C-alpha atoms as a PDB file:
ATOM      1  CA  MET A   1      -0.008  -0.010  -0.003  1.00  0.00           C
ATOM      2  CA  LYS A   2       1.414   3.374  -1.014  1.00  0.00           C
ATOM      3  CA  PHE A   3       0.885   6.362   1.307  1.00  0.00           C
ATOM      4  CA  THR A   4       0.628   9.931   0.168  1.00  0.00           C
ATOM      5  CA  ARG A   5       2.114  12.825   2.052  1.00  0.00           C
ATOM      6  CA  ARG A   6      -1.344  13.644   3.392  1.00  0.00           C
ATOM      7  CA  ASP A   7      -1.783  10.072   4.654  1.00  0.00           C
ATOM      8  CA  LEU A   8       1.514  10.169   6.481  1.00  0.00           C
ATOM      9  CA  LEU A   9       0.846  13.527   8.093  1.00  0.00           C
ATOM     10  CA  ILE A  10      -2.604  12.462   9.277  1.00  0.00           C
ATOM     11  CA  GLN A  11      -1.443   9.096  10.537  1.00  0.00           C
ATOM     12  CA  ALA A  12       1.675  10.500  12.260  1.00  0.00           C
ATOM     13  CA  GLY A  13      -0.536  11.242  15.245  1.00  0.00           C
ATOM     14  CA  GLY A  14      -2.017   7.742  15.377  1.00  0.00           C
ATOM     15  CA  ALA A  15      -0.953   4.142  15.356  1.00  0.00           C
ATOM     16  CA  THR A  16       1.730   2.734  13.106  1.00  0.00           C
ATOM     17  CA  LEU A  17       1.406  -0.240  10.783  1.00  0.00           C
ATOM     18  CA  ALA A  18       4.774  -1.955  10.537  1.00  0.00           C
ATOM     19  CA  ALA A  19       5.780  -2.074  14.206  1.00  0.00           C
ATOM     20  CA  PRO A  20       2.656  -3.887  15.557  1.00  0.00           C
ATOM     21  CA  ALA A  21       3.084  -6.462  12.790  1.00  0.00           C
ATOM     22  CA  LEU A  22       6.690  -7.000  13.917  1.00  0.00           C
ATOM     23  CA  ARG A  23       5.545  -7.411  17.525  1.00  0.00           C
ATOM     24  CA  ALA A  24       2.927  -9.959  16.462  1.00  0.00           C
ATOM     25  CA  ALA A  25       5.619 -11.910  14.601  1.00  0.00           C
ATOM     26  CA  GLY A  26       7.837 -11.947  17.700  1.00  0.00           C
ATOM     27  CA  THR A  27      10.365  -9.624  16.109  1.00  0.00           C
ATOM     28  CA  GLU A  28      11.811  -6.547  17.771  1.00  0.00           C
ATOM     29  CA  PRO A  29       9.678  -3.528  16.789  1.00  0.00           C
ATOM     30  CA  TYR A  30      12.750  -1.279  16.761  1.00  0.00           C
ATOM     31  CA  LYS A  31      16.517  -1.359  17.138  1.00  0.00           C
ATOM     32  CA  LEU A  32      17.954   1.347  19.393  1.00  0.00           C
ATOM     33  CA  GLY A  33      21.677   1.579  19.994  1.00  0.00           C
ATOM     34  CA  CYS A  34      24.386   4.061  20.833  1.00  0.00           C
ATOM     35  CA  GLN A  35      27.405   5.271  18.940  1.00  0.00           C
ATOM     36  CA  THR A  36      30.887   5.009  20.434  1.00  0.00           C
ATOM     37  CA  LEU A  37      31.394   8.588  19.180  1.00  0.00           C
ATOM     38  CA  PRO A  38      30.705  10.254  22.561  1.00  0.00           C
ATOM     39  CA  TYR A  39      33.662   8.302  23.950  1.00  0.00           C
ATOM     40  CA  GLN A  40      36.014   8.906  21.004  1.00  0.00           C
ATOM     41  CA  ASN A  41      38.647  10.586  23.201  1.00  0.00           C
ATOM     42  CA  LEU A  42      38.591   7.676  25.627  1.00  0.00           C
ATOM     43  CA  PRO A  43      39.705   4.047  25.243  1.00  0.00           C
ATOM     44  CA  PHE A  44      37.386   1.925  23.099  1.00  0.00           C
ATOM     45  CA  GLU A  45      37.065  -0.562  25.957  1.00  0.00           C
ATOM     46  CA  ARG A  46      35.588   2.196  28.129  1.00  0.00           C
ATOM     47  CA  ALA A  47      33.047   3.057  25.429  1.00  0.00           C
ATOM     48  CA  ILE A  48      31.845  -0.541  25.226  1.00  0.00           C
ATOM     49  CA  GLU A  49      31.621  -0.717  29.003  1.00  0.00           C
ATOM     50  CA  GLY A  50      29.567   2.479  29.258  1.00  0.00           C
ATOM     51  CA  ILE A  51      27.192   1.574  26.421  1.00  0.00           C
ATOM     52  CA  GLN A  52      26.582  -1.906  27.839  1.00  0.00           C
ATOM     53  CA  ARG A  53      25.951  -0.601  31.358  1.00  0.00           C
ATOM     54  CA  ALA A  54      23.486   1.981  30.033  1.00  0.00           C
ATOM     55  CA  GLY A  55      21.290  -0.884  28.796  1.00  0.00           C
ATOM     56  CA  TYR A  56      21.885  -0.781  25.039  1.00  0.00           C
ATOM     57  CA  LYS A  57      22.018  -3.983  22.999  1.00  0.00           C
ATOM     58  CA  TYR A  58      23.290  -2.416  19.787  1.00  0.00           C
ATOM     59  CA  VAL A  59      26.329  -0.305  19.058  1.00  0.00           C
ATOM     60  CA  MET A  60      27.416   1.903  16.140  1.00  0.00           C
ATOM     61  CA  LEU A  61      31.176   1.575  15.888  1.00  0.00           C
ATOM     62  CA  GLY A  62      33.472   4.546  15.446  1.00  0.00           C
ATOM     63  CA  SER A  63      36.601   4.039  13.421  1.00  0.00           C
ATOM     64  CA  THR A  64      39.038   5.593  15.936  1.00  0.00           C
ATOM     65  CA  HIS A  65      39.387   6.112  19.672  1.00  0.00           C
ATOM     66  CA  GLU A  66      42.162   8.181  21.188  1.00  0.00           C
ATOM     67  CA  LYS A  67      43.240   8.739  17.540  1.00  0.00           C
ATOM     68  CA  LYS A  68      44.002   5.024  17.148  1.00  0.00           C
ATOM     69  CA  PRO A  69      42.121   2.760  14.714  1.00  0.00           C
ATOM     70  CA  VAL A  70      39.640   0.398  16.384  1.00  0.00           C
ATOM     71  CA  PHE A  71      37.321  -0.406  13.476  1.00  0.00           C
ATOM     72  CA  ALA A  72      39.156   0.171  10.228  1.00  0.00           C
ATOM     73  CA  PRO A  73      40.278  -1.878   7.214  1.00  0.00           C
ATOM     74  CA  SER A  74      43.851  -1.658   8.511  1.00  0.00           C
ATOM     75  CA  LEU A  75      43.037  -3.924  11.468  1.00  0.00           C
ATOM     76  CA  PRO A  76      44.942  -7.204  11.243  1.00  0.00           C
ATOM     77  CA  LYS A  77      43.161 -10.545  11.529  1.00  0.00           C
ATOM     78  CA  ASP A  78      43.940 -11.057  15.213  1.00  0.00           C
ATOM     79  CA  ALA A  79      42.668  -7.551  16.102  1.00  0.00           C
ATOM     80  CA  ARG A  80      39.423  -8.241  14.282  1.00  0.00           C
ATOM     81  CA  ALA A  81      38.959 -11.476  16.195  1.00  0.00           C
ATOM     82  CA  GLY A  82      39.654  -9.615  19.430  1.00  0.00           C
ATOM     83  CA  LEU A  83      37.057  -6.966  18.566  1.00  0.00           C
ATOM     84  CA  ARG A  84      34.439  -9.626  17.892  1.00  0.00           C
ATOM     85  CA  SER A  85      35.182 -11.282  21.253  1.00  0.00           C
ATOM     86  CA  GLN A  86      35.076  -7.934  23.026  1.00  0.00           C
ATOM     87  CA  LEU A  87      31.657  -7.065  21.599  1.00  0.00           C
ATOM     88  CA  GLY A  88      30.316 -10.558  22.240  1.00  0.00           C
ATOM     89  CA  ASP A  89      31.491 -10.551  25.862  1.00  0.00           C
ATOM     90  CA  ALA A  90      29.680  -7.214  26.361  1.00  0.00           C
ATOM     91  CA  GLY A  91      26.490  -8.547  24.759  1.00  0.00           C
ATOM     92  CA  LEU A  92      26.590  -5.795  22.140  1.00  0.00           C
ATOM     93  CA  GLU A  93      25.728  -6.265  18.473  1.00  0.00           C
ATOM     94  CA  PRO A  94      27.358  -3.911  15.964  1.00  0.00           C
ATOM     95  CA  PHE A  95      24.602  -2.716  13.646  1.00  0.00           C
ATOM     96  CA  MET A  96      25.847   0.426  11.939  1.00  0.00           C
ATOM     97  CA  SER A  97      29.056   2.301  11.088  1.00  0.00           C
ATOM     98  CA  PHE A  98      30.157   5.571   9.522  1.00  0.00           C
ATOM     99  CA  LEU A  99      31.620   5.371   6.025  1.00  0.00           C
ATOM    100  CA  GLY A 100      34.443   7.383   4.513  1.00  0.00           C
ATOM    101  CA  LEU A 101      34.698  10.109   7.140  1.00  0.00           C
ATOM    102  CA  THR A 102      38.457  10.420   6.895  1.00  0.00           C
ATOM    103  CA  VAL A 103      38.842  10.298   3.103  1.00  0.00           C
ATOM    104  CA  ASP A 104      37.816  12.188  -0.016  1.00  0.00           C
ATOM    105  CA  VAL A 105      35.785   9.742  -2.095  1.00  0.00           C
ATOM    106  CA  THR A 106      36.457  11.755  -5.265  1.00  0.00           C
ATOM    107  CA  LYS A 107      40.131  10.652  -5.046  1.00  0.00           C
ATOM    108  CA  PRO A 108      41.214   7.149  -6.117  1.00  0.00           C
ATOM    109  CA  GLU A 109      42.429   6.333  -2.610  1.00  0.00           C
ATOM    110  CA  GLY A 110      39.086   7.539  -1.261  1.00  0.00           C
ATOM    111  CA  VAL A 111      37.113   5.128  -3.448  1.00  0.00           C
ATOM    112  CA  LYS A 112      39.362   2.270  -2.363  1.00  0.00           C
ATOM    113  CA  SER A 113      38.835   3.178   1.279  1.00  0.00           C
ATOM    114  CA  TRP A 114      35.042   3.124   0.806  1.00  0.00           C
ATOM    115  CA  LEU A 115      35.240  -0.352  -0.797  1.00  0.00           C
ATOM    116  CA  ASP A 116      37.497  -1.658   1.992  1.00  0.00           C
ATOM    117  CA  GLU A 117      35.231  -0.202   4.684  1.00  0.00           C
ATOM    118  CA  LEU A 118      32.188  -1.821   3.066  1.00  0.00           C
ATOM    119  CA  ASP A 119      34.006  -5.157   3.067  1.00  0.00           C
ATOM    120  CA  LEU A 120      34.873  -4.727   6.739  1.00  0.00           C
ATOM    121  CA  CYS A 121      31.232  -3.974   7.610  1.00  0.00           C
ATOM    122  CA  ALA A 122      30.075  -7.054   5.670  1.00  0.00           C
ATOM    123  CA  GLU A 123      32.622  -9.167   7.536  1.00  0.00           C
ATOM    124  CA  PHE A 124      31.193  -7.992  10.873  1.00  0.00           C
ATOM    125  CA  GLY A 125      27.566  -8.421   9.811  1.00  0.00           C
ATOM    126  CA  ILE A 126      26.957  -4.663   9.693  1.00  0.00           C
ATOM    127  CA  HIS A 127      24.489  -3.921   6.935  1.00  0.00           C
ATOM    128  CA  MET A 128      24.081  -0.144   7.377  1.00  0.00           C
ATOM    129  CA  THR A 129      26.641   2.625   6.897  1.00  0.00           C
ATOM    130  CA  VAL A 130      26.359   6.403   7.197  1.00  0.00           C
ATOM    131  CA  ALA A 131      28.208   8.808   4.876  1.00  0.00           C
ATOM    132  CA  MET A 132      28.068  12.602   4.629  1.00  0.00           C
ATOM    133  CA  GLY A 133      28.282  13.753   1.049  1.00  0.00           C
ATOM    134  CA  PRO A 134      29.968  17.011  -0.057  1.00  0.00           C
ATOM    135  CA  GLY A 135      29.539  20.095   2.092  1.00  0.00           C
ATOM    136  CA  TYR A 136      27.911  23.280   0.835  1.00  0.00           C
ATOM    137  CA  TYR A 137      29.974  25.734   2.869  1.00  0.00           C
ATOM    138  CA  VAL A 138      33.500  27.112   2.674  1.00  0.00           C
ATOM    139  CA  ARG A 139      32.974  28.270   6.230  1.00  0.00           C
ATOM    140  CA  PHE A 140      29.714  27.550   8.075  1.00  0.00           C
ATOM    141  CA  PRO A 141      27.352  29.354   8.484  1.00  0.00           C
ATOM    142  CA  ALA A 142      28.139  32.559   6.575  1.00  0.00           C
ATOM    143  CA  GLN A 143      30.298  31.566   3.602  1.00  0.00           C
ATOM    144  CA  PRO A 144      28.755  29.116   1.123  1.00  0.00           C
ATOM    145  CA  LYS A 145      30.545  27.847  -1.952  1.00  0.00           C
ATOM    146  CA  CYS A 146      29.883  29.675  -5.188  1.00  0.00           C
ATOM    147  CA  ALA A 147      27.298  27.975  -7.392  1.00  0.00           C
ATOM    148  CA  SER A 148      29.771  26.674  -9.960  1.00  0.00           C
ATOM    149  CA  GLU A 149      32.058  25.156  -7.316  1.00  0.00           C
ATOM    150  CA  TRP A 150      29.119  23.515  -5.566  1.00  0.00           C
ATOM    151  CA  GLU A 151      27.788  22.071  -8.829  1.00  0.00           C
ATOM    152  CA  ARG A 152      31.246  20.697  -9.682  1.00  0.00           C
ATOM    153  CA  ASP A 153      31.645  19.124  -6.239  1.00  0.00           C
ATOM    154  CA  VAL A 154      28.223  17.489  -6.404  1.00  0.00           C
ATOM    155  CA  ASN A 155      28.791  16.074  -9.898  1.00  0.00           C
ATOM    156  CA  GLU A 156      32.211  14.743  -8.927  1.00  0.00           C
ATOM    157  CA  TYR A 157      30.751  13.104  -5.822  1.00  0.00           C
ATOM    158  CA  TYR A 158      27.944  11.349  -7.670  1.00  0.00           C
ATOM    159  CA  ALA A 159      30.428  10.022 -10.247  1.00  0.00           C
ATOM    160  CA  ALA A 160      32.881   8.864  -7.597  1.00  0.00           C
ATOM    161  CA  ILE A 161      30.421   6.896  -5.486  1.00  0.00           C
ATOM    162  CA  GLN A 162      29.132   4.734  -8.329  1.00  0.00           C
ATOM    163  CA  PRO A 163      31.725   1.948  -7.816  1.00  0.00           C
ATOM    164  CA  ALA A 164      30.978   1.981  -4.075  1.00  0.00           C
ATOM    165  CA  ILE A 165      27.233   1.649  -4.686  1.00  0.00           C
ATOM    166  CA  ARG A 166      27.802  -1.316  -7.043  1.00  0.00           C
ATOM    167  CA  HIS A 167      30.079  -2.875  -4.429  1.00  0.00           C
ATOM    168  CA  ALA A 168      27.516  -2.245  -1.678  1.00  0.00           C
ATOM    169  CA  GLU A 169      24.950  -4.063  -3.786  1.00  0.00           C
ATOM    170  CA  ASN A 170      27.315  -7.016  -4.142  1.00  0.00           C
ATOM    171  CA  VAL A 171      28.221  -7.337  -0.441  1.00  0.00           C
ATOM    172  CA  GLY A 172      24.775  -6.571   0.963  1.00  0.00           C
ATOM    173  CA  VAL A 173      25.584  -3.371   2.808  1.00  0.00           C
ATOM    174  CA  THR A 174      23.489  -0.185   2.512  1.00  0.00           C
ATOM    175  CA  ILE A 175      25.109   3.218   2.129  1.00  0.00           C
ATOM    176  CA  THR A 176      23.090   6.073   3.566  1.00  0.00           C
ATOM    177  CA  VAL A 177      23.784   9.795   3.476  1.00  0.00           C
ATOM    178  CA  LYS A 178      22.571  12.075   6.212  1.00  0.00           C
ATOM    179  CA  PRO A 179      21.821  15.783   6.657  1.00  0.00           C
ATOM    180  CA  HIS A 180      25.119  17.583   7.253  1.00  0.00           C
ATOM    181  CA  ALA A 181      24.927  20.935   5.426  1.00  0.00           C
ATOM    182  CA  GLY A 182      25.365  19.237   2.080  1.00  0.00           C
ATOM    183  CA  ILE A 183      23.487  17.294  -0.596  1.00  0.00           C
ATOM    184  CA  ALA A 184      21.038  15.862   1.967  1.00  0.00           C
ATOM    185  CA  ALA A 185      20.789  18.994   4.119  1.00  0.00           C
ATOM    186  CA  THR A 186      17.006  18.798   4.369  1.00  0.00           C
ATOM    187  CA  ALA A 187      14.322  16.281   3.520  1.00  0.00           C
ATOM    188  CA  LYS A 188      13.620  18.143   0.300  1.00  0.00           C
ATOM    189  CA  ALA A 189      17.293  18.041  -0.697  1.00  0.00           C
ATOM    190  CA  ALA A 190      17.525  14.350   0.282  1.00  0.00           C
ATOM    191  CA  LEU A 191      14.576  13.574  -1.968  1.00  0.00           C
ATOM    192  CA  GLU A 192      16.542  14.990  -4.883  1.00  0.00           C
ATOM    193  CA  VAL A 193      19.430  12.657  -3.937  1.00  0.00           C
ATOM    194  CA  MET A 194      17.051   9.705  -4.085  1.00  0.00           C
ATOM    195  CA  ARG A 195      15.804  10.807  -7.509  1.00  0.00           C
ATOM    196  CA  ARG A 196      19.340  11.105  -8.822  1.00  0.00           C
ATOM    197  CA  VAL A 197      20.688   7.818  -7.461  1.00  0.00           C
ATOM    198  CA  VAL A 198      18.326   4.844  -7.670  1.00  0.00           C
ATOM    199  CA  SER A 199      19.594   1.801  -5.769  1.00  0.00           C
ATOM    200  CA  GLU A 200      18.247  -0.369  -2.958  1.00  0.00           C
ATOM    201  CA  ARG A 201      21.689   0.040  -1.376  1.00  0.00           C
ATOM    202  CA  PHE A 202      21.818   3.833  -1.411  1.00  0.00           C
ATOM    203  CA  LYS A 203      19.352   5.521   0.936  1.00  0.00           C
ATOM    204  CA  ILE A 204      18.996   8.184   3.649  1.00  0.00           C
ATOM    205  CA  CYS A 205      19.944   8.310   7.321  1.00  0.00           C
ATOM    206  CA  TRP A 206      17.752  10.891   9.048  1.00  0.00           C
ATOM    207  CA  ASP A 207      19.299  13.288  11.570  1.00  0.00           C
ATOM    208  CA  ALA A 208      16.782  15.844  12.849  1.00  0.00           C
ATOM    209  CA  GLY A 209      19.336  17.446  15.175  1.00  0.00           C
ATOM    210  CA  ASN A 210      21.584  18.303  12.218  1.00  0.00           C
ATOM    211  CA  VAL A 211      18.666  19.765  10.258  1.00  0.00           C
ATOM    212  CA  SER A 212      17.939  21.999  13.248  1.00  0.00           C
ATOM    213  CA  TYR A 213      21.597  22.974  13.777  1.00  0.00           C
ATOM    214  CA  TYR A 214      22.688  23.507  10.178  1.00  0.00           C
ATOM    215  CA  GLU A 215      19.427  24.720   8.622  1.00  0.00           C
ATOM    216  CA  GLY A 216      17.417  26.116  11.531  1.00  0.00           C
ATOM    217  CA  ILE A 217      14.483  23.858  10.603  1.00  0.00           C
ATOM    218  CA  HIS A 218      12.506  21.811  13.144  1.00  0.00           C
ATOM    219  CA  PRO A 219      10.506  19.851  12.294  1.00  0.00           C
ATOM    220  CA  ASP A 220      11.275  19.393   8.621  1.00  0.00           C
ATOM    221  CA  PRO A 221       7.979  19.756   6.721  1.00  0.00           C
ATOM    222  CA  ASP A 222       9.087  17.374   3.956  1.00  0.00           C
ATOM    223  CA  LEU A 223       9.992  14.398   6.150  1.00  0.00           C
ATOM    224  CA  PRO A 224       6.712  12.599   5.327  1.00  0.00           C
ATOM    225  CA  ASP A 225       7.688  12.578   1.646  1.00  0.00           C
ATOM    226  CA  LEU A 226      11.202  11.379   2.433  1.00  0.00           C
ATOM    227  CA  ALA A 227      10.233   8.811   5.084  1.00  0.00           C
ATOM    228  CA  PRO A 228      10.004   5.758   2.738  1.00  0.00           C
ATOM    229  CA  TYR A 229      13.672   6.312   1.814  1.00  0.00           C
ATOM    230  CA  VAL A 230      14.930   6.614   5.414  1.00  0.00           C
ATOM    231  CA  LYS A 231      16.690   3.405   6.464  1.00  0.00           C
ATOM    232  CA  ALA A 232      18.618   4.618   9.516  1.00  0.00           C
ATOM    233  CA  VAL A 233      18.508   7.364  12.126  1.00  0.00           C
ATOM    234  CA  CYS A 234      21.283   9.180  13.999  1.00  0.00           C
ATOM    235  CA  ILE A 235      19.597  10.515  17.117  1.00  0.00           C
ATOM    236  CA  LYS A 236      20.554  13.830  18.600  1.00  0.00           C
ATOM    237  CA  ASP A 237      18.679  16.792  20.000  1.00  0.00           C
ATOM    238  CA  HIS A 238      19.428  20.469  19.414  1.00  0.00           C
ATOM    239  CA  LEU A 239      18.575  23.615  21.357  1.00  0.00           C
ATOM    240  CA  GLY A 240      18.801  27.153  20.074  1.00  0.00           C
ATOM    241  CA  LEU A 241      19.108  28.971  16.783  1.00  0.00           C
ATOM    242  CA  ARG A 242      20.812  27.812  13.613  1.00  0.00           C
ATOM    243  CA  GLY A 243      24.514  27.223  14.201  1.00  0.00           C
ATOM    244  CA  GLN A 244      24.257  27.265  17.991  1.00  0.00           C
ATOM    245  CA  ASN A 245      26.435  24.487  19.433  1.00  0.00           C
ATOM    246  CA  ASN A 246      24.080  22.926  21.942  1.00  0.00           C
ATOM    247  CA  PHE A 247      23.249  19.226  21.584  1.00  0.00           C
ATOM    248  CA  PRO A 248      21.589  18.237  24.846  1.00  0.00           C
ATOM    249  CA  VAL A 249      20.427  14.777  25.871  1.00  0.00           C
ATOM    250  CA  PRO A 250      17.549  13.729  23.598  1.00  0.00           C
ATOM    251  CA  GLY A 251      14.287  14.959  25.089  1.00  0.00           C
ATOM    252  CA  SER A 252      15.895  18.123  26.472  1.00  0.00           C
ATOM    253  CA  GLY A 253      15.925  20.186  23.285  1.00  0.00           C
ATOM    254  CA  GLN A 254      13.605  21.297  20.522  1.00  0.00           C
ATOM    255  CA  ILE A 255      13.369  18.102  18.440  1.00  0.00           C
ATOM    256  CA  ASN A 256       9.964  16.404  18.597  1.00  0.00           C
ATOM    257  CA  HIS A 257      11.183  12.830  18.574  1.00  0.00           C
ATOM    258  CA  GLU A 258       7.753  11.268  18.991  1.00  0.00           C
ATOM    259  CA  GLN A 259       6.422  13.071  15.944  1.00  0.00           C
ATOM    260  CA  MET A 260       9.540  12.146  13.946  1.00  0.00           C
ATOM    261  CA  PHE A 261       9.301   8.475  14.924  1.00  0.00           C
ATOM    262  CA  ARG A 262       5.584   8.320  14.101  1.00  0.00           C
ATOM    263  CA  ILE A 263       6.218   9.662  10.603  1.00  0.00           C
ATOM    264  CA  LEU A 264       9.074   7.217   9.993  1.00  0.00           C
ATOM    265  CA  PHE A 265       7.419   4.114  11.387  1.00  0.00           C
ATOM    266  CA  ARG A 266       4.182   4.890   9.621  1.00  0.00           C
ATOM    267  CA  ALA A 267       6.178   4.737   6.375  1.00  0.00           C
ATOM    268  CA  GLY A 268       7.450   1.273   7.293  1.00  0.00           C
ATOM    269  CA  PHE A 269      10.777   2.176   8.906  1.00  0.00           C
ATOM    270  CA  ASN A 270      12.516  -0.707  10.671  1.00  0.00           C
ATOM    271  CA  GLY A 271      16.161   0.323  10.514  1.00  0.00           C
ATOM    272  CA  PRO A 272      18.888   0.946  13.117  1.00  0.00           C
ATOM    273  CA  MET A 273      18.774   4.056  15.306  1.00  0.00           C
ATOM    274  CA  ALA A 274      21.827   5.239  17.241  1.00  0.00           C
ATOM    275  CA  VAL A 275      22.285   7.985  19.830  1.00  0.00           C
ATOM    276  CA  GLU A 276      25.060  10.255  18.519  1.00  0.00           C
ATOM    277  CA  ARG A 277      25.533  13.313  20.722  1.00  0.00           C
ATOM    278  CA  ILE A 278      24.760  14.176  24.328  1.00  0.00           C
ATOM    279  CA  ASP A 279      27.401  16.842  25.018  1.00  0.00           C
ATOM    280  CA  GLY A 280      25.086  19.870  25.225  1.00  0.00           C
ATOM    281  CA  THR A 281      27.327  22.924  25.452  1.00  0.00           C
ATOM    282  CA  ASP A 282      30.210  20.980  26.991  1.00  0.00           C
ATOM    283  CA  ARG A 283      33.431  20.333  25.105  1.00  0.00           C
ATOM    284  CA  GLN A 284      33.199  16.668  24.242  1.00  0.00           C
ATOM    285  CA  ALA A 285      36.940  16.087  24.620  1.00  0.00           C
ATOM    286  CA  ASP A 286      36.757  17.289  28.233  1.00  0.00           C
ATOM    287  CA  MET A 287      33.787  15.155  29.299  1.00  0.00           C
ATOM    288  CA  PRO A 288      34.658  12.451  31.875  1.00  0.00           C
ATOM    289  CA  ALA A 289      33.508   8.912  31.161  1.00  0.00           C
ATOM    290  CA  ASP A 290      31.081   8.858  34.082  1.00  0.00           C
ATOM    291  CA  LEU A 291      29.258  11.922  32.744  1.00  0.00           C
ATOM    292  CA  ILE A 292      28.982  10.365  29.278  1.00  0.00           C
ATOM    293  CA  ASP A 293      27.613   7.218  30.932  1.00  0.00           C
ATOM    294  CA  GLN A 294      24.953   9.206  32.738  1.00  0.00           C
ATOM    295  CA  ARG A 295      23.858  11.057  29.629  1.00  0.00           C
ATOM    296  CA  ILE A 296      23.628   8.079  27.273  1.00  0.00           C
ATOM    297  CA  ALA A 297      21.625   6.271  29.956  1.00  0.00           C
ATOM    298  CA  ALA A 298      19.339   9.314  30.251  1.00  0.00           C
ATOM    299  CA  ALA A 299      18.929   9.302  26.465  1.00  0.00           C
ATOM    300  CA  ARG A 300      17.845   5.686  26.513  1.00  0.00           C
ATOM    301  CA  ASN A 301      15.508   6.263  29.438  1.00  0.00           C
ATOM    302  CA  TYR A 302      13.776   8.973  27.406  1.00  0.00           C
ATOM    303  CA  LEU A 303      13.775   7.209  24.027  1.00  0.00           C
ATOM    304  CA  VAL A 304      12.587   3.737  25.029  1.00  0.00           C
ATOM    305  CA  PRO A 305       9.161   4.870  26.372  1.00  0.00           C
ATOM    306  CA  VAL A 306       8.685   7.108  23.328  1.00  0.00           C
ATOM    307  CA  LEU A 307       9.536   4.304  20.918  1.00  0.00           C
ATOM    308  CA  ASP A 308       7.378   1.828  22.862  1.00  0.00           C
ATOM    309  CA  LYS A 309       4.447   4.224  22.643  1.00  0.00           C
ATOM    310  CA  VAL A 310       4.959   4.841  18.933  1.00  0.00           C
ATOM    311  CA  THR A 311       5.410   1.190  17.979  1.00  0.00           C
ATOM    312  CA  ARG A 312       2.667  -0.198  20.185  1.00  0.00           C
ATOM    313  CA  GLY A 313       0.020   0.606  17.613  1.00  0.00           C
END
């Protein structure tokens, strides 16, 4: 059954369709995890410990901690085996990873890195990755690129990612792009991405906090149209005007998560969702581990009842 924008807006306030069916089938109605990103300046072992103690079952792996690779193609065989054991001992399932954050995919070495990272994700049973796409600004928020430079960057990006998309199709891993002041900055912009690249392995990761921070939009009026293409969610809140660096614990800012989840689940969403930021106005690098623990636990304590309510039907 195909839903129109009007259907999705009307039904966003009511019950969802997909989640109750999943419950009836004995399947988890949603998958909520946490990124290791909040702990990136701390040992990876401490990130796993904190995420497990906060009650999460799923984890989105960061590529580096303390500037050392922990989930990267460069990991030797024994390190990969150790990582699997570490995650298994903690009872955490890796379900998502960033893709290509440290490379320029328009360069030959960047394309190779994307392919190697996709292989690594497939090896670990991770079927969802999150990429950024080219950025629109020379210096955010006041200096955008000139139109010709932006058009060139976008065209080069779309050409460069074609081998990665074909490879993703072959290895069974989905590439998503998320709002980050670039080609998928808003739901409307992301819809254009979906029109330009048609592949079951190239979709959208929604990030309402980024849309609020980079674009000053909350909620995004075009999310109902985009929702069928959203296959993952990076969860963060935002408080303040456009460009204001304040990412409080989810539920403490201006993002209406319940409304967002209702729109997504009504459209059949069943992908991974990972808490990304909880630093508020603090400098993330200065946050002690115990404070990060408290905040990711508070995020889960807020999100679980909201998701239970939305998916109950």
